[in-house]
Amino acid sequence: MTDAVHDLCASEALADGGTAVVFDVLYQGQTCRAFAIRYQGEVHAYLNRCSHVPMEMDFQPDRFFDLTGHWLICSTHGAMYQPR
């Protein structure tokens, strides 16, 4: 099996504390949703699932940050995660 590398988006498409780029990944043999965000100048990517509730986190398409742009928030029950 080979690891494929794919460009997700242009770098400037990820604004600090802004909308995410959502994509699919293969994780433990299953296709899962994931997302990439920029926080304090660094790009981070995560599986789109809350660690407490088996649900996707975005409250609107491609929206994961709270209103301050400093916390990722689970739309299902409000858990907040530090982007780092």
Protein backbone atom coordinates (compact mmCIF):
# COMPACT_ATOMS: atom_id res chain seq x y z
CA MET A 1 0.00 0.00 0.00
CA THR A 2 1.32 3.43 -0.89
CA ASP A 3 0.60 6.68 0.88
CA ALA A 4 -0.82 9.25 -1.49
CA VAL A 5 -0.27 12.96 -1.00
CA HIS A 6 -2.98 15.34 -2.15
CA ASP A 7 -3.17 19.12 -1.96
CA LEU A 8 -6.27 20.13 0.01
CA CYS A 9 -6.38 23.81 -0.85
CA ALA A 10 -4.30 26.90 -1.43
CA SER A 11 -2.59 27.98 1.79
CA GLU A 12 -4.39 31.33 1.83
CA ALA A 13 -7.75 29.50 1.86
CA LEU A 14 -7.15 28.74 5.56
CA ALA A 15 -7.57 31.94 7.56
CA ASP A 16 -6.59 32.06 11.24
CA GLY A 17 -9.65 31.10 13.29
CA GLY A 18 -11.77 30.92 10.15
CA THR A 19 -13.55 28.25 8.18
CA ALA A 20 -12.04 24.82 7.70
CA VAL A 21 -11.36 22.69 4.67
CA VAL A 22 -13.19 19.38 5.04
CA PHE A 23 -11.95 16.19 3.38
CA ASP A 24 -12.15 12.40 3.65
CA VAL A 25 -9.45 10.14 5.08
CA LEU A 26 -9.08 6.41 5.49
CA TYR A 27 -8.85 5.70 9.24
CA GLN A 28 -8.82 2.20 10.71
CA GLY A 29 -10.19 0.79 7.46
CA GLN A 30 -13.11 3.24 7.23
CA THR A 31 -13.62 6.45 5.30
CA CYS A 32 -14.02 9.30 7.79
CA ARG A 33 -14.50 13.04 7.53
CA ALA A 34 -11.59 15.21 8.61
CA PHE A 35 -10.87 18.93 8.59
CA ALA A 36 -7.94 21.30 8.40
CA ILE A 37 -7.81 24.70 10.12
CA ARG A 38 -5.24 27.43 10.67
CA TYR A 39 -4.63 28.62 14.22
CA GLN A 40 -1.99 31.18 15.20
CA GLY A 41 -0.32 30.78 11.83
CA GLU A 42 -0.07 26.97 11.94
CA VAL A 43 -2.17 24.46 10.03
CA HIS A 44 -3.72 21.59 11.99
CA ALA A 45 -5.86 18.69 10.80
CA TYR A 46 -8.21 16.46 12.80
CA LEU A 47 -10.82 13.77 12.38
CA ASN A 48 -14.25 15.39 12.38
CA ARG A 49 -15.51 13.66 15.49
CA CYS A 50 -15.96 14.66 19.07
CA SER A 51 -13.90 12.66 21.55
CA HIS A 52 -16.93 12.43 23.89
CA VAL A 53 -19.86 11.77 21.55
CA PRO A 54 -19.56 9.83 18.26
CA MET A 55 -20.79 12.79 16.18
CA GLU A 56 -19.27 15.22 13.69
CA MET A 57 -18.39 18.53 15.32
CA ASP A 58 -19.19 21.29 12.82
CA PHE A 59 -22.25 23.40 13.64
CA GLN A 60 -22.45 24.74 10.10
CA PRO A 61 -20.60 23.44 7.05
CA ASP A 62 -16.86 24.01 7.52
CA ARG A 63 -17.34 25.88 10.84
CA PHE A 64 -15.54 24.51 13.91
CA PHE A 65 -14.32 27.59 15.79
CA ASP A 66 -16.30 29.41 18.47
CA LEU A 67 -17.04 33.11 17.99
CA THR A 68 -13.63 34.12 19.38
CA GLY A 69 -11.74 31.99 16.84
CA HIS A 70 -9.66 30.45 19.64
CA TRP A 71 -11.53 27.23 20.49
CA LEU A 72 -12.85 24.34 18.44
CA ILE A 73 -16.36 23.54 19.63
CA CYS A 74 -18.54 20.44 19.33
CA SER A 75 -21.96 21.49 18.05
CA THR A 76 -23.65 18.48 19.68
CA HIS A 77 -22.84 19.20 23.32
CA GLY A 78 -20.55 22.23 23.45
CA ALA A 79 -17.23 20.60 24.37
CA MET A 80 -14.39 22.98 23.62
CA TYR A 81 -10.96 21.94 22.38
CA GLN A 82 -7.72 23.86 22.11
CA PRO A 83 -6.65 23.86 18.46
CA ARG A 84 -3.08 22.90 19.36
